[in-house]
Amino acid sequence: MTLRVGLADPAHILFGTDYPYIPERVAAAETAATNGFAGFDEKTRPMMECENARALFPRLDRAAGSSQN
């Protein structure tokens, strides 16, 4: 993950798993590893977790009734 963060602009990183196509325990382990990664700070973590996806898919963000935008 360190390599990805070093190569990519934080605005181009999205978090995702292959759940439900992988076992829930694997998705949970991936999520825990990402949550424990120190390469994201208080600014970049929300970007990776949801803000970048909202920017990439604004129509879906509006459809979900997001209060953030």
C-alpha atoms as a PDB file:
ATOM      1  CA  MET A   1       0.000   0.000   0.000  1.00  0.00           C
ATOM      2  CA  THR A   2       2.887   2.378   0.723  1.00  0.00           C
ATOM      3  CA  LEU A   3       3.991   2.141  -2.892  1.00  0.00           C
ATOM      4  CA  ARG A   4       0.507   2.994  -4.173  1.00  0.00           C
ATOM      5  CA  VAL A   5       0.201   5.991  -1.912  1.00  0.00           C
ATOM      6  CA  GLY A   6       3.648   7.181  -2.979  1.00  0.00           C
ATOM      7  CA  LEU A   7       2.819   6.886  -6.680  1.00  0.00           C
ATOM      8  CA  ALA A   8      -0.755   8.108  -6.805  1.00  0.00           C
ATOM      9  CA  ASP A   9      -2.289  11.417  -5.901  1.00  0.00           C
ATOM     10  CA  PRO A  10      -4.510  10.862  -2.823  1.00  0.00           C
ATOM     11  CA  ALA A  11      -7.453  12.135  -4.886  1.00  0.00           C
ATOM     12  CA  HIS A  12      -7.067   9.035  -7.104  1.00  0.00           C
ATOM     13  CA  ILE A  13      -7.246   6.365  -4.396  1.00  0.00           C
ATOM     14  CA  LEU A  14     -10.525   4.613  -3.553  1.00  0.00           C
ATOM     15  CA  PHE A  15     -11.168   1.980  -0.914  1.00  0.00           C
ATOM     16  CA  GLY A  16     -13.106  -1.071  -1.929  1.00  0.00           C
ATOM     17  CA  THR A  17     -13.377  -4.808  -1.414  1.00  0.00           C
ATOM     18  CA  ASP A  18     -14.730  -7.633  -3.488  1.00  0.00           C
ATOM     19  CA  TYR A  19     -17.388  -8.372  -0.869  1.00  0.00           C
ATOM     20  CA  PRO A  20     -19.827 -10.181  -1.281  1.00  0.00           C
ATOM     21  CA  TYR A  21     -17.783 -12.204  -3.781  1.00  0.00           C
ATOM     22  CA  ILE A  22     -15.090 -12.972  -1.217  1.00  0.00           C
ATOM     23  CA  PRO A  23     -15.589 -14.361   2.282  1.00  0.00           C
ATOM     24  CA  GLU A  24     -16.633 -11.779   4.855  1.00  0.00           C
ATOM     25  CA  ARG A  25     -13.549 -12.586   6.948  1.00  0.00           C
ATOM     26  CA  VAL A  26     -11.296 -11.622   4.014  1.00  0.00           C
ATOM     27  CA  ALA A  27     -13.145  -8.333   3.483  1.00  0.00           C
ATOM     28  CA  ALA A  28     -12.883  -7.647   7.228  1.00  0.00           C
ATOM     29  CA  ALA A  29      -9.129  -8.348   7.155  1.00  0.00           C
ATOM     30  CA  GLU A  30      -8.671  -6.007   4.159  1.00  0.00           C
ATOM     31  CA  THR A  31     -10.646  -3.294   5.930  1.00  0.00           C
ATOM     32  CA  ALA A  32      -8.644  -3.732   9.142  1.00  0.00           C
ATOM     33  CA  ALA A  33      -5.356  -3.558   7.238  1.00  0.00           C
ATOM     34  CA  THR A  34      -6.444  -0.364   5.484  1.00  0.00           C
ATOM     35  CA  ASN A  35      -7.667   1.155   8.744  1.00  0.00           C
ATOM     36  CA  GLY A  36      -4.324   0.338  10.367  1.00  0.00           C
ATOM     37  CA  PHE A  37      -2.246   1.792   7.539  1.00  0.00           C
ATOM     38  CA  ALA A  38      -0.387   4.862   8.780  1.00  0.00           C
ATOM     39  CA  GLY A  39       0.065   6.315   5.285  1.00  0.00           C
ATOM     40  CA  PHE A  40      -3.310   8.072   5.413  1.00  0.00           C
ATOM     41  CA  ASP A  41      -3.720  11.109   7.623  1.00  0.00           C
ATOM     42  CA  GLU A  42      -6.865  12.887   8.803  1.00  0.00           C
ATOM     43  CA  LYS A  43      -7.152  14.618   5.413  1.00  0.00           C
ATOM     44  CA  THR A  44      -6.416  11.731   3.050  1.00  0.00           C
ATOM     45  CA  ARG A  45      -8.284   8.949   4.897  1.00  0.00           C
ATOM     46  CA  PRO A  46     -11.779  10.457   4.279  1.00  0.00           C
ATOM     47  CA  MET A  47     -10.776  11.074   0.669  1.00  0.00           C
ATOM     48  CA  MET A  48      -9.904   7.410   0.175  1.00  0.00           C
ATOM     49  CA  GLU A  49     -12.901   6.145   2.143  1.00  0.00           C
ATOM     50  CA  CYS A  50     -15.671   8.140   0.456  1.00  0.00           C
ATOM     51  CA  GLU A  51     -14.944  11.648  -0.844  1.00  0.00           C
ATOM     52  CA  ASN A  52     -13.087  10.492  -3.965  1.00  0.00           C
ATOM     53  CA  ALA A  53     -15.922   8.124  -4.870  1.00  0.00           C
ATOM     54  CA  ARG A  54     -18.456  10.927  -4.401  1.00  0.00           C
ATOM     55  CA  ALA A  55     -16.446  13.124  -6.762  1.00  0.00           C
ATOM     56  CA  LEU A  56     -16.135  10.310  -9.302  1.00  0.00           C
ATOM     57  CA  PHE A  57     -19.824   9.360  -9.176  1.00  0.00           C
ATOM     58  CA  PRO A  58     -21.733  12.580  -8.337  1.00  0.00           C
ATOM     59  CA  ARG A  59     -25.016  11.219  -9.694  1.00  0.00           C
ATOM     60  CA  LEU A  60     -24.913   8.315  -7.242  1.00  0.00           C
ATOM     61  CA  ASP A  61     -23.994  10.656  -4.401  1.00  0.00           C
ATOM     62  CA  ARG A  62     -27.051  12.795  -5.148  1.00  0.00           C
ATOM     63  CA  ALA A  63     -29.255   9.712  -5.479  1.00  0.00           C
ATOM     64  CA  ALA A  64     -28.157   8.572  -2.021  1.00  0.00           C
ATOM     65  CA  GLY A  65     -29.245  11.924  -0.611  1.00  0.00           C
ATOM     66  CA  SER A  66     -25.818  12.845   0.705  1.00  0.00           C
ATOM     67  CA  SER A  67     -25.696  15.925   2.870  1.00  0.00           C
ATOM     68  CA  GLN A  68     -21.992  16.329   2.041  1.00  0.00           C
ATOM     69  CA  ASN A  69     -20.884  17.752  -1.287  1.00  0.00           C
END
